[in-house]
Amino acid sequence: MKHDLVWFKRDLRIEDNAALNLAAQNNNPLILLYILEPQLWQQPDLSKRHYDFLSECLVELESDLKKLGHKLIIRIGEAL
């Protein structure tokens, strides 16, 4: 069975999300993924405040997707 993958990287919303809308039109099961990249978060221009905001956005995204019957998969690692 074919699946469509939507990798949430910067756009963490479901409204007006082009990749999500396109994948949903294919009627294939969706794999909805966010990768928390530790190396990215060690950069000097990112702070705990940024991380806290990201965490809030992920909670909201997870809730929005759950209402639509989907699950957000969150993994930790470097996206190569």
N, C-alpha and C. Protein backbone atom coordinates (compact mmCIF):
# COMPACT_ATOMS: atom_id res chain seq x y z
N MET A 1 0.84 -1.18 0.00
CA MET A 1 0.00 0.00 0.00
C MET A 1 0.89 1.24 0.00
N LYS A 2 0.55 2.18 -0.82
CA LYS A 2 1.30 3.42 -0.93
C LYS A 2 0.85 4.39 0.16
N HIS A 3 1.82 5.08 0.76
CA HIS A 3 1.57 6.12 1.75
C HIS A 3 2.16 7.43 1.23
N ASP A 4 1.61 8.53 1.69
CA ASP A 4 2.19 9.84 1.41
C ASP A 4 2.79 10.38 2.71
N LEU A 5 4.00 10.90 2.59
CA LEU A 5 4.72 11.45 3.73
C LEU A 5 4.63 12.97 3.69
N VAL A 6 4.24 13.54 4.82
CA VAL A 6 4.28 15.00 4.99
C VAL A 6 5.26 15.27 6.13
N TRP A 7 6.37 15.92 5.78
CA TRP A 7 7.39 16.24 6.76
C TRP A 7 7.19 17.69 7.18
N PHE A 8 6.75 17.86 8.41
CA PHE A 8 6.58 19.21 8.96
C PHE A 8 7.96 19.68 9.42
N LYS A 9 8.41 20.77 8.85
CA LYS A 9 9.72 21.30 9.23
C LYS A 9 9.58 22.72 9.77
N ARG A 10 9.09 23.61 8.95
CA ARG A 10 8.93 25.01 9.38
C ARG A 10 7.45 25.41 9.46
N ASP A 11 6.65 24.87 8.60
CA ASP A 11 5.23 25.21 8.56
C ASP A 11 4.46 24.21 9.42
N LEU A 12 4.16 24.60 10.64
CA LEU A 12 3.55 23.68 11.60
C LEU A 12 2.06 23.96 11.77
N ARG A 13 1.39 24.25 10.68
CA ARG A 13 -0.05 24.49 10.74
C ARG A 13 -0.72 23.61 9.70
N ILE A 14 -2.01 23.38 9.89
CA ILE A 14 -2.71 22.56 8.91
C ILE A 14 -3.45 23.40 7.90
N GLU A 15 -3.85 24.60 8.28
CA GLU A 15 -4.54 25.48 7.34
C GLU A 15 -3.53 26.08 6.37
N ASP A 16 -3.89 26.08 5.10
CA ASP A 16 -3.04 26.64 4.05
C ASP A 16 -1.67 25.97 3.97
N ASN A 17 -1.59 24.71 4.37
CA ASN A 17 -0.33 23.98 4.26
C ASN A 17 -0.35 23.22 2.94
N ALA A 18 0.40 23.72 1.98
CA ALA A 18 0.36 23.18 0.62
C ALA A 18 0.73 21.70 0.57
N ALA A 19 1.77 21.30 1.27
CA ALA A 19 2.20 19.90 1.25
C ALA A 19 1.13 18.98 1.83
N LEU A 20 0.54 19.38 2.93
CA LEU A 20 -0.50 18.57 3.56
C LEU A 20 -1.74 18.50 2.66
N ASN A 21 -2.13 19.62 2.09
CA ASN A 21 -3.30 19.64 1.20
C ASN A 21 -3.09 18.75 -0.02
N LEU A 22 -1.91 18.81 -0.60
CA LEU A 22 -1.62 18.00 -1.77
C LEU A 22 -1.64 16.51 -1.42
N ALA A 23 -1.01 16.15 -0.32
CA ALA A 23 -0.98 14.75 0.09
C ALA A 23 -2.38 14.23 0.40
N ALA A 24 -3.21 15.05 1.03
CA ALA A 24 -4.56 14.63 1.39
C ALA A 24 -5.41 14.37 0.15
N GLN A 25 -5.13 15.05 -0.95
CA GLN A 25 -5.90 14.88 -2.18
C GLN A 25 -5.66 13.52 -2.83
N ASN A 26 -4.55 12.87 -2.50
CA ASN A 26 -4.21 11.59 -3.12
C ASN A 26 -4.98 10.42 -2.52
N ASN A 27 -5.65 10.64 -1.41
CA ASN A 27 -6.43 9.60 -0.72
C ASN A 27 -5.60 8.39 -0.29
N ASN A 28 -4.30 8.57 -0.16
CA ASN A 28 -3.43 7.53 0.40
C ASN A 28 -3.31 7.76 1.90
N PRO A 29 -3.02 6.71 2.67
CA PRO A 29 -2.74 6.94 4.09
C PRO A 29 -1.58 7.91 4.24
N LEU A 30 -1.66 8.75 5.26
CA LEU A 30 -0.65 9.77 5.48
C LEU A 30 0.29 9.39 6.60
N ILE A 31 1.56 9.65 6.39
CA ILE A 31 2.56 9.60 7.46
C ILE A 31 2.91 11.06 7.72
N LEU A 32 2.60 11.54 8.92
CA LEU A 32 2.81 12.94 9.28
C LEU A 32 3.96 13.00 10.28
N LEU A 33 5.04 13.64 9.91
CA LEU A 33 6.30 13.54 10.63
C LEU A 33 6.88 14.90 10.98
N TYR A 34 7.41 14.99 12.20
CA TYR A 34 8.24 16.12 12.60
C TYR A 34 9.52 15.54 13.18
N ILE A 35 10.68 16.06 12.76
CA ILE A 35 11.97 15.60 13.28
C ILE A 35 12.59 16.73 14.09
N LEU A 36 12.79 16.47 15.36
CA LEU A 36 13.47 17.42 16.24
C LEU A 36 14.97 17.17 16.08
N GLU A 37 15.66 18.16 15.52
CA GLU A 37 17.07 18.01 15.19
C GLU A 37 17.95 18.66 16.27
N PRO A 38 18.56 17.86 17.15
CA PRO A 38 19.37 18.41 18.25
C PRO A 38 20.46 19.36 17.78
N GLN A 39 21.12 19.04 16.67
CA GLN A 39 22.21 19.91 16.19
C GLN A 39 21.69 21.30 15.83
N LEU A 40 20.51 21.36 15.26
CA LEU A 40 19.90 22.64 14.93
C LEU A 40 19.68 23.48 16.19
N TRP A 41 19.22 22.82 17.26
CA TRP A 41 18.89 23.54 18.48
C TRP A 41 20.12 23.92 19.30
N GLN A 42 21.30 23.48 18.90
CA GLN A 42 22.52 23.88 19.58
C GLN A 42 23.15 25.13 18.97
N GLN A 43 22.54 25.67 17.93
CA GLN A 43 23.07 26.87 17.30
C GLN A 43 22.91 28.06 18.24
N PRO A 44 23.85 28.99 18.23
CA PRO A 44 23.84 30.10 19.19
C PRO A 44 22.67 31.07 19.05
N ASP A 45 22.02 31.10 17.88
CA ASP A 45 20.93 32.06 17.71
C ASP A 45 19.57 31.50 18.15
N LEU A 46 19.55 30.29 18.67
CA LEU A 46 18.30 29.72 19.18
C LEU A 46 18.36 29.64 20.69
N SER A 47 17.23 29.89 21.32
CA SER A 47 17.19 29.93 22.78
C SER A 47 16.07 29.04 23.31
N LYS A 48 15.99 28.95 24.62
CA LYS A 48 14.93 28.18 25.26
C LYS A 48 13.57 28.75 24.89
N ARG A 49 13.49 30.04 24.72
CA ARG A 49 12.23 30.67 24.33
C ARG A 49 11.76 30.15 22.96
N HIS A 50 12.70 30.01 22.03
CA HIS A 50 12.38 29.45 20.71
C HIS A 50 11.89 28.01 20.85
N TYR A 51 12.59 27.23 21.68
CA TYR A 51 12.22 25.83 21.89
C TYR A 51 10.85 25.72 22.54
N ASP A 52 10.57 26.59 23.51
CA ASP A 52 9.26 26.58 24.17
C ASP A 52 8.15 26.90 23.16
N PHE A 53 8.40 27.85 22.27
CA PHE A 53 7.42 28.20 21.25
C PHE A 53 7.20 27.01 20.31
N LEU A 54 8.28 26.36 19.90
CA LEU A 54 8.17 25.18 19.05
C LEU A 54 7.34 24.11 19.75
N SER A 55 7.60 23.88 21.01
CA SER A 55 6.85 22.87 21.77
C SER A 55 5.36 23.18 21.78
N GLU A 56 5.01 24.44 21.99
CA GLU A 56 3.60 24.84 21.97
C GLU A 56 2.98 24.60 20.59
N CYS A 57 3.72 24.93 19.55
CA CYS A 57 3.23 24.74 18.18
C CYS A 57 3.02 23.26 17.88
N LEU A 58 3.92 22.41 18.34
CA LEU A 58 3.79 20.97 18.11
C LEU A 58 2.59 20.39 18.85
N VAL A 59 2.34 20.87 20.06
CA VAL A 59 1.17 20.42 20.82
C VAL A 59 -0.11 20.80 20.06
N GLU A 60 -0.14 22.02 19.56
CA GLU A 60 -1.31 22.48 18.80
C GLU A 60 -1.48 21.69 17.49
N LEU A 61 -0.37 21.47 16.78
CA LEU A 61 -0.42 20.70 15.55
C LEU A 61 -0.91 19.28 15.82
N GLU A 62 -0.38 18.67 16.85
CA GLU A 62 -0.78 17.32 17.22
C GLU A 62 -2.28 17.26 17.52
N SER A 63 -2.78 18.25 18.23
CA SER A 63 -4.20 18.32 18.56
C SER A 63 -5.06 18.51 17.31
N ASP A 64 -4.63 19.42 16.44
CA ASP A 64 -5.38 19.67 15.20
C ASP A 64 -5.44 18.42 14.32
N LEU A 65 -4.32 17.71 14.21
CA LEU A 65 -4.29 16.50 13.40
C LEU A 65 -5.14 15.39 14.01
N LYS A 66 -5.11 15.30 15.34
CA LYS A 66 -5.91 14.28 16.03
C LYS A 66 -7.40 14.50 15.76
N LYS A 67 -7.83 15.75 15.73
CA LYS A 67 -9.23 16.06 15.45
C LYS A 67 -9.63 15.59 14.06
N LEU A 68 -8.65 15.51 13.15
CA LEU A 68 -8.91 15.06 11.78
C LEU A 68 -8.68 13.56 11.62
N GLY A 69 -8.37 12.89 12.73
CA GLY A 69 -8.17 11.45 12.70
C GLY A 69 -6.77 11.01 12.31
N HIS A 70 -5.80 11.91 12.48
CA HIS A 70 -4.42 11.60 12.12
C HIS A 70 -3.52 11.68 13.35
N LYS A 71 -2.36 11.07 13.23
CA LYS A 71 -1.39 11.09 14.32
C LYS A 71 -0.09 11.71 13.82
N LEU A 72 0.47 12.59 14.62
CA LEU A 72 1.76 13.19 14.31
C LEU A 72 2.85 12.31 14.91
N ILE A 73 3.81 11.95 14.09
CA ILE A 73 4.96 11.18 14.55
C ILE A 73 6.10 12.16 14.79
N ILE A 74 6.64 12.15 16.00
CA ILE A 74 7.75 13.04 16.35
C ILE A 74 8.96 12.16 16.64
N ARG A 75 10.04 12.45 15.96
CA ARG A 75 11.28 11.72 16.15
C ARG A 75 12.40 12.70 16.44
N ILE A 76 13.42 12.23 17.13
CA ILE A 76 14.59 13.04 17.46
C ILE A 76 15.78 12.47 16.70
N GLY A 77 16.47 13.33 15.98
CA GLY A 77 17.65 12.90 15.23
C GLY A 77 17.97 13.90 14.14
N GLU A 78 19.06 13.67 13.50
CA GLU A 78 19.48 14.57 12.42
C GLU A 78 18.81 14.14 11.12
N ALA A 79 18.19 15.08 10.45
CA ALA A 79 17.55 14.81 9.16
C ALA A 79 18.60 15.05 8.07
N LEU A 80 19.04 13.99 7.49
CA LEU A 80 20.10 14.10 6.47
C LEU A 80 19.51 14.10 5.09
